[in-house]
Amino acid sequence: MPSSDYIAQIVAIDDSNVDGQLRGIRRYGACYDARTDALAASLVRNGKGPAKSARADFEAFEAALKDFAAKAFADAPPQPASQKVAYAGLYEKQFRYLFYRRYEAKTVRAAKPAIPAVKPASPATPAPPAASSRAATPPTAEERARSDADPVTMAKNRFGKLLELLPDDKMHELHRAFGDVIGPHTISEPMRLAVYRYAIFILEPPSTTPFSPPPF
């Protein structure tokens, strides 16, 4: 069940909308953690879990992510920020799950087959252009449009615009903190997109239409 539906059910039977949301977030988060814990334990049993170095890198990534969130929420008023902080804590749980899912998806690779000999090109077949000449070709309007429509590019642009709305000192502080999240750690492209969307969720004013739906 999506988190929004589950939380709405809890709110419907609670005397307070705020208390209902917080209670629903806690319960849904506990279930989400239990699933991630079960996945991690299964990987350990099957000998497919992450190495110690990978776990250490992910723990550093998580610490940087929490530091970014703490800095972003530092100047927020107590209410309704407490609900948003709770939601951010819930959505943060996706990263640990995504981390272990990468290892669940890996399969034992078979022995690498011999590479077949490459037949020489027919004289009538023109040779492909050199890599250097291809790289020098400026992108077409269609290629630029595809790049602009890329989900990660769109998220980067939105995140940058939200940073620009902040006072200069706050903008630079959060920019540095976010660089500590994205820069030094090994993360997949889906996780990179999730990190940008998570940061956008934190920085978005409550009056704007959300950039993306809840992650789960």
Protein backbone atom coordinates (compact mmCIF):
# COMPACT_ATOMS: atom_id res chain seq x y z
CA MET A 1 0.00 0.00 0.00
CA PRO A 2 1.39 3.45 -0.81
CA SER A 3 2.41 5.42 2.27
CA SER A 4 -0.07 8.20 1.47
CA ASP A 5 -3.00 5.74 1.47
CA TYR A 6 -1.86 4.06 4.68
CA ILE A 7 -1.36 7.35 6.50
CA ALA A 8 -4.75 8.59 5.30
CA GLN A 9 -6.36 5.50 6.87
CA ILE A 10 -4.70 6.25 10.21
CA VAL A 11 -5.72 9.91 10.01
CA ALA A 12 -9.33 8.90 9.33
CA ILE A 13 -9.59 7.07 12.67
CA ASP A 14 -7.55 9.55 14.72
CA ASP A 15 -8.92 12.49 16.67
CA SER A 16 -6.18 14.80 15.41
CA ASN A 17 -5.01 15.19 11.81
CA VAL A 18 -1.46 16.00 12.91
CA ASP A 19 -1.24 13.16 15.43
CA GLY A 20 -2.77 10.78 12.89
CA GLN A 21 -0.16 11.68 10.29
CA LEU A 22 2.71 11.28 12.73
CA ARG A 23 1.34 7.95 13.98
CA GLY A 24 0.82 6.71 10.41
CA ILE A 25 4.34 7.74 9.44
CA ARG A 26 5.83 5.87 12.42
CA ARG A 27 3.87 2.69 11.71
CA TYR A 28 4.58 2.72 7.98
CA GLY A 29 8.25 3.43 8.66
CA ALA A 30 8.49 0.48 11.05
CA CYS A 31 7.08 -1.85 8.39
CA TYR A 32 9.40 -0.41 5.74
CA ASP A 33 12.42 -0.94 8.00
CA ALA A 34 11.33 -4.50 8.74
CA ARG A 35 11.27 -5.29 5.01
CA THR A 36 14.73 -3.78 4.52
CA ASP A 37 16.08 -5.69 7.52
CA ALA A 38 14.67 -8.93 6.10
CA LEU A 39 16.30 -8.21 2.73
CA ALA A 40 19.67 -7.48 4.36
CA ALA A 41 19.49 -10.67 6.44
CA SER A 42 18.60 -12.73 3.35
CA LEU A 43 21.61 -11.35 1.47
CA VAL A 44 23.91 -12.26 4.36
CA ARG A 45 22.54 -15.81 4.47
CA ASN A 46 23.09 -16.23 0.73
CA GLY A 47 26.54 -14.68 0.76
CA LYS A 48 25.49 -11.84 -1.54
CA GLY A 49 25.61 -8.95 0.89
CA PRO A 50 27.75 -5.85 0.48
CA ALA A 51 31.39 -5.87 1.49
CA LYS A 52 32.54 -4.04 4.62
CA SER A 53 33.94 -1.17 2.55
CA ALA A 54 30.62 -0.75 0.71
CA ARG A 55 28.70 -0.70 3.99
CA ALA A 56 31.10 1.90 5.40
CA ASP A 57 30.68 4.08 2.31
CA PHE A 58 26.89 3.84 2.57
CA GLU A 59 26.97 4.73 6.27
CA ALA A 60 29.02 7.83 5.41
CA PHE A 61 26.49 8.65 2.68
CA GLU A 62 23.62 8.32 5.15
CA ALA A 63 25.40 10.52 7.69
CA ALA A 64 25.93 13.22 5.04
CA LEU A 65 22.29 12.97 4.01
CA LYS A 66 21.11 13.41 7.62
CA ASP A 67 23.46 16.36 8.01
CA PHE A 68 21.98 18.02 4.91
CA ALA A 69 18.44 17.48 6.21
CA ALA A 70 19.32 18.81 9.66
CA LYS A 71 20.82 21.97 8.16
CA ALA A 72 17.82 22.43 5.86
CA PHE A 73 15.36 22.14 8.75
CA ALA A 74 17.44 24.17 11.23
CA ASP A 75 15.58 27.44 10.69
CA ALA A 76 12.14 25.93 10.10
CA PRO A 77 9.29 26.82 12.52
CA PRO A 78 8.09 24.03 14.86
CA GLN A 79 4.71 23.62 13.11
CA PRO A 80 3.89 22.33 10.57
CA ALA A 81 7.58 21.57 10.08
CA SER A 82 7.36 18.63 12.51
CA GLN A 83 5.15 16.82 10.00
CA LYS A 84 7.53 17.55 7.15
CA VAL A 85 10.50 16.42 9.23
CA ALA A 86 8.64 13.17 9.95
CA TYR A 87 7.84 12.66 6.28
CA ALA A 88 11.47 13.37 5.36
CA GLY A 89 12.58 10.75 7.88
CA LEU A 90 10.17 8.28 6.31
CA TYR A 91 11.29 9.00 2.74
CA GLU A 92 14.92 8.74 3.82
CA LYS A 93 14.38 5.04 4.46
CA GLN A 94 14.29 4.40 0.71
CA PHE A 95 18.07 4.79 0.42
CA ARG A 96 18.96 1.87 2.66
CA TYR A 97 16.44 -0.27 0.79
CA LEU A 98 17.83 0.80 -2.60
CA PHE A 99 21.34 0.06 -1.36
CA TYR A 100 20.50 -3.55 -0.55
CA ARG A 101 18.31 -4.02 -3.62
CA ARG A 102 21.41 -3.48 -5.77
CA TYR A 103 22.90 -6.62 -4.25
CA GLU A 104 19.66 -8.57 -4.47
CA ALA A 105 19.57 -7.91 -8.21
CA LYS A 106 23.07 -9.25 -8.77
CA THR A 107 23.32 -12.83 -9.96
CA VAL A 108 26.27 -15.15 -10.02
CA ARG A 109 27.95 -14.55 -13.34
CA ALA A 110 28.87 -17.48 -15.48
CA ALA A 111 32.36 -17.91 -16.82
CA LYS A 112 33.10 -15.24 -19.37
CA PRO A 113 32.71 -16.69 -22.89
CA ALA A 114 35.46 -16.33 -25.42
CA ILE A 115 35.14 -13.21 -27.53
CA PRO A 116 34.46 -14.21 -31.16
CA ALA A 117 36.78 -12.88 -33.79
CA VAL A 118 35.55 -9.71 -35.42
CA LYS A 119 35.16 -10.00 -39.16
CA PRO A 120 36.85 -7.26 -41.14
CA ALA A 121 34.48 -4.71 -42.59
CA SER A 122 33.58 -5.04 -46.22
CA PRO A 123 35.42 -2.55 -48.48
CA ALA A 124 32.03 -1.22 -49.56
CA THR A 125 31.09 -0.40 -45.96
CA PRO A 126 32.27 3.07 -44.94
CA ALA A 127 34.21 3.17 -41.70
CA PRO A 128 32.49 4.92 -38.78
CA PRO A 129 33.72 8.41 -38.01
CA ALA A 130 36.52 8.72 -35.48
CA ALA A 131 35.51 9.24 -31.86
CA SER A 132 37.18 12.63 -31.80
CA SER A 133 35.15 13.89 -34.76
CA ARG A 134 31.92 12.60 -33.21
CA ALA A 135 32.72 14.33 -29.92
CA ALA A 136 33.41 17.59 -31.71
CA THR A 137 29.96 17.61 -33.32
CA PRO A 138 27.70 20.00 -31.40
CA PRO A 139 24.49 18.44 -30.04
CA THR A 140 21.38 18.85 -32.13
CA ALA A 141 18.25 20.58 -30.84
CA GLU A 142 16.64 17.16 -30.41
CA GLU A 143 19.60 15.90 -28.36
CA ARG A 144 19.52 19.00 -26.17
CA ALA A 145 15.78 18.53 -25.63
CA ARG A 146 16.34 14.91 -24.61
CA SER A 147 19.03 16.01 -22.16
CA ASP A 148 16.77 18.68 -20.67
CA ALA A 149 13.97 16.10 -20.30
CA ASP A 150 16.25 13.64 -18.48
CA PRO A 151 14.80 13.07 -14.98
CA VAL A 152 18.12 13.70 -13.22
CA THR A 153 18.72 16.89 -15.21
CA MET A 154 15.20 18.11 -14.42
CA ALA A 155 15.73 17.36 -10.72
CA LYS A 156 19.11 19.14 -10.70
CA ASN A 157 17.54 22.21 -12.28
CA ARG A 158 14.67 22.26 -9.78
CA PHE A 159 17.04 21.80 -6.85
CA GLY A 160 19.21 24.66 -8.10
CA LYS A 161 16.21 26.99 -8.38
CA LEU A 162 15.14 26.18 -4.82
CA LEU A 163 18.63 26.93 -3.55
CA GLU A 164 18.57 30.30 -5.31
CA LEU A 165 15.51 31.29 -3.27
CA LEU A 166 17.47 31.02 -0.03
CA PRO A 167 19.64 33.72 1.59
CA ASP A 168 23.21 33.55 0.34
CA ASP A 169 24.72 32.12 3.53
CA LYS A 170 22.05 29.43 3.77
CA MET A 171 22.33 28.62 0.07
CA HIS A 172 26.12 28.12 0.32
CA GLU A 173 25.76 26.05 3.50
CA LEU A 174 23.24 23.67 1.92
CA HIS A 175 25.13 23.53 -1.36
CA ARG A 176 28.25 22.36 0.48
CA ALA A 177 26.26 19.87 2.56
CA PHE A 178 24.60 18.44 -0.53
CA GLY A 179 27.98 18.14 -2.24
CA ASP A 180 29.08 15.92 0.65
CA VAL A 181 26.10 13.66 -0.14
CA ILE A 182 26.50 13.38 -3.91
CA GLY A 183 30.20 13.90 -4.49
CA PRO A 184 32.38 11.40 -2.61
CA HIS A 185 30.11 8.34 -2.48
CA THR A 186 29.37 5.50 -4.88
CA ILE A 187 25.66 5.63 -5.69
CA SER A 188 23.60 4.30 -8.57
CA GLU A 189 21.80 6.55 -11.01
CA PRO A 190 18.34 5.67 -9.58
CA MET A 191 19.63 6.54 -6.09
CA ARG A 192 21.12 9.80 -7.40
CA LEU A 193 17.71 10.78 -8.75
CA ALA A 194 16.08 9.78 -5.45
CA VAL A 195 18.57 11.95 -3.53
CA TYR A 196 17.74 15.01 -5.64
CA ARG A 197 14.00 14.41 -5.24
CA TYR A 198 14.45 13.96 -1.50
CA ALA A 199 16.34 17.25 -1.24
CA ILE A 200 13.70 18.99 -3.36
CA PHE A 201 10.96 17.68 -1.07
CA ILE A 202 12.76 19.14 1.94
CA LEU A 203 13.29 22.56 0.35
CA GLU A 204 9.93 22.95 -1.39
CA PRO A 205 7.60 25.54 0.16
CA PRO A 206 4.26 24.04 1.27
CA SER A 207 2.40 26.32 -1.14
CA THR A 208 3.96 24.85 -4.29
CA THR A 209 2.89 21.79 -6.26
CA PRO A 210 5.23 18.91 -5.33
CA PHE A 211 7.97 18.27 -7.89
CA SER A 212 7.49 14.50 -7.63
CA PRO A 213 5.12 12.08 -5.87
CA PRO A 214 6.15 10.29 -2.65
CA PRO A 215 8.80 7.64 -3.34
CA PHE A 216 6.59 4.84 -1.98
